[in-house]
Amino acid sequence: MQSAPVVPSPQGKKGAQRVRETLEKALLNVLICLPAPATGSGEALPADRASSKLTPIGLMTLDGDEKAMAHHRHAGMGVFLLRAYQGQGYGSEAIRWALERGFKQANLHRIHLVV
């Protein structure tokens, strides 16, 4: 039997606002999407049409405490995938992508996974 320390429940306006503020302060927030299925014609879709055909499957965040960032340059990473897309390598791909950006572009020294 699976159990959780808290029972999930809908968030009120204050809870939603806290989540929004946390996400706005994060180093990185990305929506993980799958591209549109190939049309078979071999032609690429124009950028404006291609982006409307993306399928969102999850969210990734890279967040660091201001004090930790100032001195130690480390951050935590969170990856959230819809159940139907778990176990197919999408999370691993997203983690590799975020690690590269965190170390090479954000100049972080350490990244830990928040589970």
N, C-alpha and C. Protein backbone atom coordinates (compact mmCIF):
# COMPACT_ATOMS: atom_id res chain seq x y z
N MET A 1 0.84 -1.18 0.00
CA MET A 1 0.00 0.00 0.00
C MET A 1 0.88 1.25 0.00
N GLN A 2 0.58 2.18 -0.87
CA GLN A 2 1.33 3.42 -0.93
C GLN A 2 0.71 4.44 0.01
N SER A 3 1.55 5.23 0.62
CA SER A 3 1.04 6.28 1.49
C SER A 3 1.87 7.53 1.33
N ALA A 4 1.30 8.64 1.70
CA ALA A 4 1.99 9.92 1.63
C ALA A 4 1.82 10.61 2.98
N PRO A 5 2.80 11.45 3.38
CA PRO A 5 2.68 12.14 4.66
C PRO A 5 1.54 13.15 4.70
N VAL A 6 1.08 13.56 3.54
CA VAL A 6 -0.05 14.50 3.48
C VAL A 6 -1.04 14.00 2.44
N VAL A 7 -2.28 14.37 2.59
CA VAL A 7 -3.29 14.02 1.61
C VAL A 7 -3.34 15.15 0.60
N PRO A 8 -3.08 14.86 -0.69
CA PRO A 8 -3.13 15.93 -1.69
C PRO A 8 -4.52 16.56 -1.73
N SER A 9 -4.54 17.86 -1.82
CA SER A 9 -5.81 18.57 -1.90
C SER A 9 -5.64 19.80 -2.78
N PRO A 10 -6.72 20.29 -3.36
CA PRO A 10 -6.62 21.48 -4.20
C PRO A 10 -6.06 22.67 -3.41
N GLN A 11 -5.23 23.45 -4.06
CA GLN A 11 -4.65 24.62 -3.43
C GLN A 11 -5.59 25.81 -3.57
N GLY A 12 -5.66 26.60 -2.53
CA GLY A 12 -6.43 27.83 -2.59
C GLY A 12 -5.64 28.91 -3.31
N LYS A 13 -6.17 30.10 -3.35
CA LYS A 13 -5.50 31.20 -4.04
C LYS A 13 -4.15 31.53 -3.42
N LYS A 14 -4.06 31.48 -2.09
CA LYS A 14 -2.79 31.79 -1.42
C LYS A 14 -1.73 30.74 -1.76
N GLY A 15 -2.12 29.48 -1.75
CA GLY A 15 -1.19 28.41 -2.09
C GLY A 15 -0.72 28.51 -3.53
N ALA A 16 -1.64 28.81 -4.43
CA ALA A 16 -1.29 28.97 -5.84
C ALA A 16 -0.35 30.16 -6.02
N GLN A 17 -0.57 31.23 -5.28
CA GLN A 17 0.30 32.40 -5.36
C GLN A 17 1.71 32.08 -4.88
N ARG A 18 1.82 31.28 -3.79
CA ARG A 18 3.15 30.88 -3.28
C ARG A 18 3.89 30.05 -4.32
N VAL A 19 3.19 29.13 -4.97
CA VAL A 19 3.81 28.31 -6.01
C VAL A 19 4.28 29.21 -7.15
N ARG A 20 3.45 30.14 -7.56
CA ARG A 20 3.81 31.04 -8.65
C ARG A 20 5.05 31.86 -8.30
N GLU A 21 5.10 32.41 -7.08
CA GLU A 21 6.26 33.20 -6.66
C GLU A 21 7.52 32.36 -6.62
N THR A 22 7.41 31.12 -6.16
CA THR A 22 8.57 30.22 -6.12
C THR A 22 9.07 29.96 -7.53
N LEU A 23 8.17 29.68 -8.45
CA LEU A 23 8.56 29.41 -9.83
C LEU A 23 9.18 30.63 -10.49
N GLU A 24 8.66 31.82 -10.19
CA GLU A 24 9.20 33.04 -10.78
C GLU A 24 10.62 33.33 -10.32
N LYS A 25 10.98 32.89 -9.11
CA LYS A 25 12.32 33.13 -8.57
C LYS A 25 13.33 32.08 -9.00
N ALA A 26 12.88 30.99 -9.57
CA ALA A 26 13.76 29.88 -9.92
C ALA A 26 14.75 30.27 -11.03
N LEU A 27 15.88 29.58 -11.04
CA LEU A 27 16.89 29.79 -12.09
C LEU A 27 16.36 29.34 -13.44
N LEU A 28 15.61 28.25 -13.42
CA LEU A 28 15.13 27.65 -14.67
C LEU A 28 13.77 27.02 -14.43
N ASN A 29 12.84 27.30 -15.29
CA ASN A 29 11.53 26.65 -15.32
C ASN A 29 11.23 26.36 -16.77
N VAL A 30 11.02 25.10 -17.08
CA VAL A 30 10.70 24.75 -18.46
C VAL A 30 9.54 23.77 -18.49
N LEU A 31 8.74 23.89 -19.50
CA LEU A 31 7.68 22.95 -19.76
C LEU A 31 8.28 21.89 -20.68
N ILE A 32 8.20 20.64 -20.29
CA ILE A 32 8.73 19.55 -21.11
C ILE A 32 7.65 19.16 -22.10
N CYS A 33 7.98 19.25 -23.40
CA CYS A 33 7.00 18.98 -24.45
C CYS A 33 7.54 18.00 -25.47
N LEU A 34 6.64 17.25 -26.07
CA LEU A 34 6.99 16.40 -27.20
C LEU A 34 6.66 17.17 -28.47
N PRO A 35 7.47 17.00 -29.52
CA PRO A 35 7.19 17.69 -30.77
C PRO A 35 5.95 17.11 -31.45
N ALA A 36 5.45 17.85 -32.42
CA ALA A 36 4.31 17.39 -33.20
C ALA A 36 4.71 16.13 -33.96
N PRO A 37 3.78 15.21 -34.15
CA PRO A 37 4.10 14.02 -34.94
C PRO A 37 4.49 14.42 -36.36
N ALA A 38 5.38 13.66 -36.96
CA ALA A 38 5.83 13.95 -38.33
C ALA A 38 4.63 13.85 -39.27
N THR A 39 4.61 14.75 -40.26
CA THR A 39 3.49 14.78 -41.21
C THR A 39 3.67 13.74 -42.31
N GLY A 40 4.89 13.25 -42.48
CA GLY A 40 5.14 12.28 -43.53
C GLY A 40 5.56 12.93 -44.83
N SER A 41 5.36 14.24 -44.96
CA SER A 41 5.73 14.94 -46.19
C SER A 41 7.20 15.31 -46.21
N GLY A 42 7.85 15.25 -45.05
CA GLY A 42 9.26 15.61 -44.98
C GLY A 42 9.49 17.10 -44.85
N GLU A 43 8.43 17.89 -44.88
CA GLU A 43 8.57 19.34 -44.77
C GLU A 43 8.45 19.77 -43.31
N ALA A 44 9.29 20.72 -42.93
CA ALA A 44 9.23 21.26 -41.57
C ALA A 44 8.06 22.23 -41.46
N LEU A 45 7.42 22.23 -40.31
CA LEU A 45 6.34 23.19 -40.07
C LEU A 45 6.93 24.56 -39.78
N PRO A 46 6.27 25.64 -40.21
CA PRO A 46 6.72 26.98 -39.81
C PRO A 46 6.73 27.09 -38.29
N ALA A 47 7.62 27.92 -37.76
CA ALA A 47 7.80 28.02 -36.30
C ALA A 47 6.50 28.33 -35.58
N ASP A 48 5.66 29.21 -36.13
CA ASP A 48 4.42 29.56 -35.44
C ASP A 48 3.44 28.40 -35.39
N ARG A 49 3.44 27.55 -36.39
CA ARG A 49 2.55 26.38 -36.39
C ARG A 49 3.15 25.23 -35.59
N ALA A 50 4.47 25.09 -35.61
CA ALA A 50 5.13 23.99 -34.91
C ALA A 50 4.94 24.11 -33.41
N SER A 51 5.06 25.31 -32.86
CA SER A 51 4.94 25.48 -31.41
C SER A 51 3.52 25.19 -30.92
N SER A 52 2.51 25.38 -31.76
CA SER A 52 1.14 25.11 -31.35
C SER A 52 0.83 23.62 -31.35
N LYS A 53 1.70 22.81 -31.93
CA LYS A 53 1.48 21.38 -32.02
C LYS A 53 2.23 20.60 -30.94
N LEU A 54 2.92 21.29 -30.05
CA LEU A 54 3.67 20.60 -29.00
C LEU A 54 2.72 19.97 -27.99
N THR A 55 3.13 18.81 -27.44
CA THR A 55 2.35 18.13 -26.41
C THR A 55 3.06 18.27 -25.08
N PRO A 56 2.53 19.07 -24.14
CA PRO A 56 3.17 19.20 -22.82
C PRO A 56 3.05 17.89 -22.04
N ILE A 57 4.19 17.42 -21.50
CA ILE A 57 4.18 16.17 -20.74
C ILE A 57 4.76 16.33 -19.33
N GLY A 58 5.31 17.50 -19.03
CA GLY A 58 5.88 17.67 -17.70
C GLY A 58 6.47 19.05 -17.48
N LEU A 59 7.14 19.17 -16.35
CA LEU A 59 7.73 20.44 -15.92
C LEU A 59 9.07 20.16 -15.26
N MET A 60 10.03 21.04 -15.46
CA MET A 60 11.33 20.92 -14.80
C MET A 60 11.70 22.26 -14.19
N THR A 61 12.24 22.22 -12.97
CA THR A 61 12.69 23.44 -12.31
C THR A 61 14.11 23.26 -11.80
N LEU A 62 14.84 24.34 -11.79
CA LEU A 62 16.18 24.39 -11.21
C LEU A 62 16.16 25.61 -10.30
N ASP A 63 16.26 25.37 -9.00
CA ASP A 63 16.04 26.44 -8.03
C ASP A 63 17.14 26.43 -6.99
N GLY A 64 17.66 27.61 -6.67
CA GLY A 64 18.69 27.73 -5.66
C GLY A 64 18.34 28.76 -4.61
N ASP A 65 18.62 28.46 -3.37
CA ASP A 65 18.46 29.40 -2.26
C ASP A 65 19.43 30.56 -2.50
N GLU A 66 18.98 31.78 -2.30
CA GLU A 66 19.84 32.94 -2.56
C GLU A 66 21.15 32.88 -1.79
N LYS A 67 21.11 32.47 -0.51
CA LYS A 67 22.34 32.37 0.28
C LYS A 67 23.26 31.30 -0.27
N ALA A 68 22.70 30.16 -0.62
CA ALA A 68 23.51 29.06 -1.17
C ALA A 68 24.09 29.46 -2.52
N MET A 69 23.32 30.19 -3.31
CA MET A 69 23.80 30.60 -4.63
C MET A 69 24.94 31.60 -4.52
N ALA A 70 24.86 32.51 -3.58
CA ALA A 70 25.87 33.56 -3.45
C ALA A 70 27.24 32.99 -3.13
N HIS A 71 27.31 31.98 -2.30
CA HIS A 71 28.61 31.46 -1.88
C HIS A 71 28.95 30.11 -2.50
N HIS A 72 28.03 29.18 -2.45
CA HIS A 72 28.34 27.81 -2.85
C HIS A 72 27.94 27.47 -4.29
N ARG A 73 27.12 28.29 -4.91
CA ARG A 73 26.68 28.08 -6.29
C ARG A 73 26.08 26.69 -6.50
N HIS A 74 25.10 26.33 -5.67
CA HIS A 74 24.41 25.06 -5.89
C HIS A 74 22.91 25.27 -5.95
N ALA A 75 22.23 24.31 -6.56
CA ALA A 75 20.78 24.42 -6.77
C ALA A 75 20.15 23.04 -6.71
N GLY A 76 18.83 23.03 -6.53
CA GLY A 76 18.06 21.80 -6.55
C GLY A 76 17.27 21.69 -7.84
N MET A 77 17.08 20.47 -8.30
CA MET A 77 16.36 20.23 -9.54
C MET A 77 15.12 19.39 -9.25
N GLY A 78 14.01 19.77 -9.85
CA GLY A 78 12.78 18.99 -9.75
C GLY A 78 12.28 18.64 -11.14
N VAL A 79 11.85 17.41 -11.32
CA VAL A 79 11.32 16.95 -12.61
C VAL A 79 9.96 16.31 -12.35
N PHE A 80 8.97 16.74 -13.08
CA PHE A 80 7.62 16.23 -12.91
C PHE A 80 7.09 15.82 -14.28
N LEU A 81 6.78 14.53 -14.45
CA LEU A 81 6.25 14.02 -15.71
C LEU A 81 4.88 13.40 -15.49
N LEU A 82 4.00 13.57 -16.47
CA LEU A 82 2.71 12.89 -16.41
C LEU A 82 2.97 11.38 -16.39
N ARG A 83 2.16 10.66 -15.66
CA ARG A 83 2.36 9.21 -15.49
C ARG A 83 2.48 8.47 -16.83
N ALA A 84 1.71 8.85 -17.81
CA ALA A 84 1.72 8.16 -19.11
C ALA A 84 3.06 8.27 -19.82
N TYR A 85 3.90 9.23 -19.43
CA TYR A 85 5.18 9.45 -20.11
C TYR A 85 6.37 9.06 -19.25
N GLN A 86 6.13 8.51 -18.08
CA GLN A 86 7.22 8.09 -17.20
C GLN A 86 7.80 6.76 -17.69
N GLY A 87 9.09 6.55 -17.41
CA GLY A 87 9.74 5.29 -17.77
C GLY A 87 10.07 5.16 -19.24
N GLN A 88 10.06 6.27 -19.98
CA GLN A 88 10.33 6.23 -21.42
C GLN A 88 11.57 7.04 -21.80
N GLY A 89 12.31 7.51 -20.80
CA GLY A 89 13.55 8.24 -21.06
C GLY A 89 13.39 9.75 -21.15
N TYR A 90 12.18 10.26 -21.07
CA TYR A 90 11.98 11.71 -21.16
C TYR A 90 12.57 12.44 -19.96
N GLY A 91 12.42 11.87 -18.78
CA GLY A 91 12.99 12.47 -17.58
C GLY A 91 14.51 12.50 -17.64
N SER A 92 15.12 11.40 -18.07
CA SER A 92 16.58 11.35 -18.20
C SER A 92 17.08 12.38 -19.18
N GLU A 93 16.39 12.52 -20.29
CA GLU A 93 16.79 13.51 -21.30
C GLU A 93 16.68 14.92 -20.73
N ALA A 94 15.60 15.20 -20.02
CA ALA A 94 15.41 16.53 -19.43
C ALA A 94 16.47 16.82 -18.38
N ILE A 95 16.82 15.82 -17.58
CA ILE A 95 17.85 16.01 -16.55
C ILE A 95 19.20 16.31 -17.19
N ARG A 96 19.58 15.55 -18.22
CA ARG A 96 20.86 15.82 -18.91
C ARG A 96 20.88 17.24 -19.48
N TRP A 97 19.77 17.65 -20.07
CA TRP A 97 19.66 18.99 -20.66
C TRP A 97 19.84 20.06 -19.58
N ALA A 98 19.14 19.90 -18.45
CA ALA A 98 19.22 20.90 -17.37
C ALA A 98 20.59 20.91 -16.70
N LEU A 99 21.22 19.75 -16.55
CA LEU A 99 22.56 19.71 -15.96
C LEU A 99 23.55 20.48 -16.82
N GLU A 100 23.46 20.30 -18.12
CA GLU A 100 24.36 21.03 -19.02
C GLU A 100 24.17 22.54 -18.87
N ARG A 101 22.95 22.99 -18.84
CA ARG A 101 22.70 24.43 -18.68
C ARG A 101 23.12 24.92 -17.30
N GLY A 102 22.85 24.13 -16.28
CA GLY A 102 23.21 24.52 -14.93
C GLY A 102 24.70 24.68 -14.73
N PHE A 103 25.47 23.72 -15.23
CA PHE A 103 26.92 23.77 -15.04
C PHE A 103 27.61 24.70 -16.03
N LYS A 104 27.22 24.66 -17.29
CA LYS A 104 27.92 25.45 -18.31
C LYS A 104 27.44 26.90 -18.41
N GLN A 105 26.14 27.13 -18.27
CA GLN A 105 25.63 28.48 -18.47
C GLN A 105 25.37 29.22 -17.16
N ALA A 106 24.90 28.53 -16.13
CA ALA A 106 24.63 29.19 -14.85
C ALA A 106 25.83 29.12 -13.92
N ASN A 107 26.88 28.41 -14.34
CA ASN A 107 28.13 28.31 -13.57
C ASN A 107 27.90 27.74 -12.16
N LEU A 108 27.01 26.75 -12.06
CA LEU A 108 26.77 26.12 -10.77
C LEU A 108 27.90 25.14 -10.45
N HIS A 109 28.13 24.88 -9.17
CA HIS A 109 29.15 23.93 -8.74
C HIS A 109 28.52 22.58 -8.40
N ARG A 110 27.26 22.60 -7.97
CA ARG A 110 26.59 21.37 -7.55
C ARG A 110 25.10 21.50 -7.83
N ILE A 111 24.49 20.40 -8.27
CA ILE A 111 23.05 20.34 -8.49
C ILE A 111 22.55 19.06 -7.84
N HIS A 112 21.55 19.18 -6.98
CA HIS A 112 20.98 17.98 -6.35
C HIS A 112 19.54 17.81 -6.81
N LEU A 113 19.11 16.57 -6.83
CA LEU A 113 17.75 16.25 -7.25
C LEU A 113 16.82 16.31 -6.05
N VAL A 114 15.73 17.03 -6.20
CA VAL A 114 14.73 17.14 -5.14
C VAL A 114 13.61 16.16 -5.48
N VAL A 115 13.41 15.17 -4.61
CA VAL A 115 12.38 14.15 -4.89
C VAL A 115 11.33 14.14 -3.81
